[in-house]
Amino acid sequence: AASEGLFVVIQEDSGSDVGERMFISSVLEHEDDGEELTYYFMAMSGGVINTRMMAGVGIPATASEESGGHEFSGVIDLSGMLKKDSSNFSISAGDGHAKRQAELEVPIEDKLIVIGLQAHNYHSGVVEAFEADRGGQVLLYKPDFSE
């Protein structure tokens, strides 16, 4: 949700050999006016034939010994939590309803969106040392729909 209306984030979970992709839509509409939504590329990760995966590239270094699948997992809009009135935060901690209301006031290109990424092939190095089941990343995305 943004001041312009509603948007959708699509997280692909296909097991694609070239990697998983993620997109954000233009503002949603429900009129039968012949206007189609536009989808903007956000990110891509993983894939057994992705050249970065085949080269063992990973963060942290040594986490990836083989190519493999990744999975985008979760999205949260931080704009409601971080919105300020002058120098003070607009909402109180723990007020989920106020957070959602504040999100409606922030334009889409001013948002900070957190994305979870599970990297199923990141199981070596520090990931193994800490006995975690897999690695991954938390990504911060700021929409930019300029062409």
C-alpha atoms as a PDB file:
ATOM      1  CA  ALA A   1       0.000   0.000   0.000  1.00  0.00           C
ATOM      2  CA  ALA A   2       1.225   3.467  -0.862  1.00  0.00           C
ATOM      3  CA  SER A   3      -0.207   6.949  -1.297  1.00  0.00           C
ATOM      4  CA  GLU A   4      -0.757   6.171  -5.009  1.00  0.00           C
ATOM      5  CA  GLY A   5      -2.714   2.966  -4.304  1.00  0.00           C
ATOM      6  CA  LEU A   6      -1.984  -0.738  -3.974  1.00  0.00           C
ATOM      7  CA  PHE A   7       0.977  -2.577  -5.498  1.00  0.00           C
ATOM      8  CA  VAL A   8       1.870  -6.260  -5.548  1.00  0.00           C
ATOM      9  CA  VAL A   9       5.236  -7.979  -5.108  1.00  0.00           C
ATOM     10  CA  ILE A  10       5.591 -11.299  -6.920  1.00  0.00           C
ATOM     11  CA  GLN A  11       8.177 -13.712  -5.552  1.00  0.00           C
ATOM     12  CA  GLU A  12       8.874 -16.513  -8.010  1.00  0.00           C
ATOM     13  CA  ASP A  13       9.353 -19.945  -6.445  1.00  0.00           C
ATOM     14  CA  SER A  14       9.717 -22.121  -9.524  1.00  0.00           C
ATOM     15  CA  GLY A  15      12.928 -24.056  -9.036  1.00  0.00           C
ATOM     16  CA  SER A  16      14.183 -22.464 -12.256  1.00  0.00           C
ATOM     17  CA  ASP A  17      17.671 -23.553 -13.306  1.00  0.00           C
ATOM     18  CA  VAL A  18      18.617 -19.938 -14.070  1.00  0.00           C
ATOM     19  CA  GLY A  19      17.372 -18.535 -10.748  1.00  0.00           C
ATOM     20  CA  GLU A  20      14.348 -17.086  -9.014  1.00  0.00           C
ATOM     21  CA  ARG A  21      13.064 -13.621  -9.872  1.00  0.00           C
ATOM     22  CA  MET A  22      11.056 -10.998  -8.059  1.00  0.00           C
ATOM     23  CA  PHE A  23       8.899  -8.213  -9.503  1.00  0.00           C
ATOM     24  CA  ILE A  24       6.789  -5.305  -8.267  1.00  0.00           C
ATOM     25  CA  SER A  25       3.723  -4.144 -10.178  1.00  0.00           C
ATOM     26  CA  SER A  26       2.553  -0.717 -11.165  1.00  0.00           C
ATOM     27  CA  VAL A  27      -0.409   0.526  -9.135  1.00  0.00           C
ATOM     28  CA  LEU A  28      -3.217  -2.037  -9.143  1.00  0.00           C
ATOM     29  CA  GLU A  29      -6.477  -1.175 -10.844  1.00  0.00           C
ATOM     30  CA  HIS A  30      -9.651  -3.101 -11.563  1.00  0.00           C
ATOM     31  CA  GLU A  31     -11.137  -1.238 -14.504  1.00  0.00           C
ATOM     32  CA  ASP A  32     -11.596  -3.053 -17.813  1.00  0.00           C
ATOM     33  CA  ASP A  33      -9.964  -0.208 -19.725  1.00  0.00           C
ATOM     34  CA  GLY A  34      -7.426  -2.136 -21.790  1.00  0.00           C
ATOM     35  CA  GLU A  35      -4.539  -0.818 -19.677  1.00  0.00           C
ATOM     36  CA  GLU A  36      -2.285  -3.632 -18.504  1.00  0.00           C
ATOM     37  CA  LEU A  37      -0.168  -3.578 -15.378  1.00  0.00           C
ATOM     38  CA  THR A  38       3.550  -3.007 -15.719  1.00  0.00           C
ATOM     39  CA  TYR A  39       5.898  -5.273 -13.800  1.00  0.00           C
ATOM     40  CA  TYR A  40       9.293  -4.002 -12.680  1.00  0.00           C
ATOM     41  CA  PHE A  41      12.226  -6.329 -12.044  1.00  0.00           C
ATOM     42  CA  MET A  42      13.430  -6.222  -8.443  1.00  0.00           C
ATOM     43  CA  ALA A  43      15.942  -9.044  -7.997  1.00  0.00           C
ATOM     44  CA  MET A  44      17.169 -12.448  -9.147  1.00  0.00           C
ATOM     45  CA  SER A  45      19.089 -15.071  -7.209  1.00  0.00           C
ATOM     46  CA  GLY A  46      20.259 -18.676  -7.314  1.00  0.00           C
ATOM     47  CA  GLY A  47      19.853 -21.276 -10.042  1.00  0.00           C
ATOM     48  CA  VAL A  48      21.961 -24.327 -10.828  1.00  0.00           C
ATOM     49  CA  ILE A  49      23.100 -22.916 -14.211  1.00  0.00           C
ATOM     50  CA  ASN A  50      23.413 -19.309 -13.044  1.00  0.00           C
ATOM     51  CA  THR A  51      27.032 -18.391 -13.810  1.00  0.00           C
ATOM     52  CA  ARG A  52      27.577 -16.745 -10.410  1.00  0.00           C
ATOM     53  CA  MET A  53      26.330 -19.857  -8.661  1.00  0.00           C
ATOM     54  CA  MET A  54      28.446 -22.125 -10.865  1.00  0.00           C
ATOM     55  CA  ALA A  55      31.497 -20.027  -9.922  1.00  0.00           C
ATOM     56  CA  GLY A  56      30.777 -20.529  -6.198  1.00  0.00           C
ATOM     57  CA  VAL A  57      30.093 -16.843  -5.572  1.00  0.00           C
ATOM     58  CA  GLY A  58      28.389 -16.255  -2.244  1.00  0.00           C
ATOM     59  CA  ILE A  59      28.206 -13.944   0.721  1.00  0.00           C
ATOM     60  CA  PRO A  60      29.748 -14.685   3.092  1.00  0.00           C
ATOM     61  CA  ALA A  61      32.728 -16.039   1.148  1.00  0.00           C
ATOM     62  CA  THR A  62      33.071 -19.852   1.211  1.00  0.00           C
ATOM     63  CA  ALA A  63      29.371 -20.340   2.008  1.00  0.00           C
ATOM     64  CA  SER A  64      28.670 -21.726  -1.465  1.00  0.00           C
ATOM     65  CA  GLU A  65      30.523 -24.825  -2.639  1.00  0.00           C
ATOM     66  CA  GLU A  66      28.024 -25.667  -5.381  1.00  0.00           C
ATOM     67  CA  SER A  67      25.317 -24.065  -7.479  1.00  0.00           C
ATOM     68  CA  GLY A  68      21.755 -24.440  -6.291  1.00  0.00           C
ATOM     69  CA  GLY A  69      18.371 -22.946  -5.711  1.00  0.00           C
ATOM     70  CA  HIS A  70      17.461 -19.848  -3.785  1.00  0.00           C
ATOM     71  CA  GLU A  71      14.053 -18.768  -2.550  1.00  0.00           C
ATOM     72  CA  PHE A  72      12.699 -15.283  -1.966  1.00  0.00           C
ATOM     73  CA  SER A  73      10.828 -15.516   1.302  1.00  0.00           C
ATOM     74  CA  GLY A  74       8.919 -12.639   2.760  1.00  0.00           C
ATOM     75  CA  VAL A  75       8.417  -8.908   2.276  1.00  0.00           C
ATOM     76  CA  ILE A  76       7.908  -6.136   4.824  1.00  0.00           C
ATOM     77  CA  ASP A  77       7.354  -2.443   4.185  1.00  0.00           C
ATOM     78  CA  LEU A  78       9.355  -0.375   6.686  1.00  0.00           C
ATOM     79  CA  SER A  79       7.867   2.978   5.656  1.00  0.00           C
ATOM     80  CA  GLY A  80       5.170   3.009   8.346  1.00  0.00           C
ATOM     81  CA  MET A  81       7.652   2.207  11.109  1.00  0.00           C
ATOM     82  CA  LEU A  82      10.176   4.784   9.887  1.00  0.00           C
ATOM     83  CA  LYS A  83       7.785   7.622   8.998  1.00  0.00           C
ATOM     84  CA  LYS A  84       8.554  10.776  10.961  1.00  0.00           C
ATOM     85  CA  ASP A  85       6.652  13.933  11.848  1.00  0.00           C
ATOM     86  CA  SER A  86       9.426  16.541  12.063  1.00  0.00           C
ATOM     87  CA  SER A  87      12.050  14.702  14.156  1.00  0.00           C
ATOM     88  CA  ASN A  88       9.828  12.149  15.907  1.00  0.00           C
ATOM     89  CA  PHE A  89       8.548   8.810  14.667  1.00  0.00           C
ATOM     90  CA  SER A  90       4.869   8.997  13.703  1.00  0.00           C
ATOM     91  CA  ILE A  91       3.757   5.808  15.442  1.00  0.00           C
ATOM     92  CA  SER A  92       4.410   4.075  18.737  1.00  0.00           C
ATOM     93  CA  ALA A  93       6.280   0.774  18.878  1.00  0.00           C
ATOM     94  CA  GLY A  94       3.941  -2.192  18.620  1.00  0.00           C
ATOM     95  CA  ASP A  95       1.038  -0.303  17.013  1.00  0.00           C
ATOM     96  CA  GLY A  96       0.465  -2.431  13.908  1.00  0.00           C
ATOM     97  CA  HIS A  97      -2.723  -0.643  12.862  1.00  0.00           C
ATOM     98  CA  ALA A  98      -0.995   2.750  12.945  1.00  0.00           C
ATOM     99  CA  LYS A  99       1.919   1.258  10.975  1.00  0.00           C
ATOM    100  CA  ARG A 100      -0.438   0.146   8.200  1.00  0.00           C
ATOM    101  CA  GLN A 101      -2.183   3.542   8.172  1.00  0.00           C
ATOM    102  CA  ALA A 102       1.176   5.361   7.972  1.00  0.00           C
ATOM    103  CA  GLU A 103       2.235   3.140   5.027  1.00  0.00           C
ATOM    104  CA  LEU A 104      -0.738   4.490   3.062  1.00  0.00           C
ATOM    105  CA  GLU A 105       0.703   8.016   3.306  1.00  0.00           C
ATOM    106  CA  VAL A 106       4.151   7.192   1.859  1.00  0.00           C
ATOM    107  CA  PRO A 107       4.668   7.327  -1.939  1.00  0.00           C
ATOM    108  CA  ILE A 108       5.903   4.063  -3.477  1.00  0.00           C
ATOM    109  CA  GLU A 109       9.274   5.519  -4.511  1.00  0.00           C
ATOM    110  CA  ASP A 110       9.927   6.681  -0.932  1.00  0.00           C
ATOM    111  CA  LYS A 111       9.445   3.227   0.563  1.00  0.00           C
ATOM    112  CA  LEU A 112      12.088   0.941   2.030  1.00  0.00           C
ATOM    113  CA  ILE A 113      11.079  -2.682   1.519  1.00  0.00           C
ATOM    114  CA  VAL A 114      12.835  -5.597   3.232  1.00  0.00           C
ATOM    115  CA  ILE A 115      13.063  -8.884   1.332  1.00  0.00           C
ATOM    116  CA  GLY A 116      14.077 -12.248   2.778  1.00  0.00           C
ATOM    117  CA  LEU A 117      16.195 -14.614   0.673  1.00  0.00           C
ATOM    118  CA  GLN A 118      16.997 -18.214   1.550  1.00  0.00           C
ATOM    119  CA  ALA A 119      20.060 -19.637  -0.201  1.00  0.00           C
ATOM    120  CA  HIS A 120      19.676 -23.411  -0.055  1.00  0.00           C
ATOM    121  CA  ASN A 121      23.158 -24.021  -1.467  1.00  0.00           C
ATOM    122  CA  TYR A 122      24.857 -21.821   1.155  1.00  0.00           C
ATOM    123  CA  HIS A 123      25.729 -24.491   3.688  1.00  0.00           C
ATOM    124  CA  SER A 124      29.539 -24.331   3.915  1.00  0.00           C
ATOM    125  CA  GLY A 125      32.063 -22.041   5.592  1.00  0.00           C
ATOM    126  CA  VAL A 126      30.655 -19.837   8.327  1.00  0.00           C
ATOM    127  CA  VAL A 127      27.130 -21.230   7.761  1.00  0.00           C
ATOM    128  CA  GLU A 128      28.415 -24.727   8.582  1.00  0.00           C
ATOM    129  CA  ALA A 129      30.586 -23.427  11.450  1.00  0.00           C
ATOM    130  CA  PHE A 130      27.508 -21.940  13.157  1.00  0.00           C
ATOM    131  CA  GLU A 131      25.543 -25.138  12.413  1.00  0.00           C
ATOM    132  CA  ALA A 132      22.862 -23.227  10.493  1.00  0.00           C
ATOM    133  CA  ASP A 133      20.718 -25.183   8.043  1.00  0.00           C
ATOM    134  CA  ARG A 134      21.352 -22.687   5.203  1.00  0.00           C
ATOM    135  CA  GLY A 135      22.489 -19.189   4.434  1.00  0.00           C
ATOM    136  CA  GLY A 136      20.639 -16.287   2.961  1.00  0.00           C
ATOM    137  CA  GLN A 137      20.366 -12.561   2.893  1.00  0.00           C
ATOM    138  CA  VAL A 138      18.109  -9.769   3.980  1.00  0.00           C
ATOM    139  CA  LEU A 139      17.845  -7.234   1.165  1.00  0.00           C
ATOM    140  CA  LEU A 140      16.671  -3.625   1.345  1.00  0.00           C
ATOM    141  CA  TYR A 141      14.862  -2.396  -1.783  1.00  0.00           C
ATOM    142  CA  LYS A 142      13.802   1.160  -2.682  1.00  0.00           C
ATOM    143  CA  PRO A 143      11.422   1.231  -5.692  1.00  0.00           C
ATOM    144  CA  ASP A 144      12.383   3.395  -8.647  1.00  0.00           C
ATOM    145  CA  PHE A 145       9.930   3.292 -11.541  1.00  0.00           C
ATOM    146  CA  SER A 146      11.756   5.846 -13.687  1.00  0.00           C
ATOM    147  CA  GLU A 147      12.487   4.507 -17.149  1.00  0.00           C
END
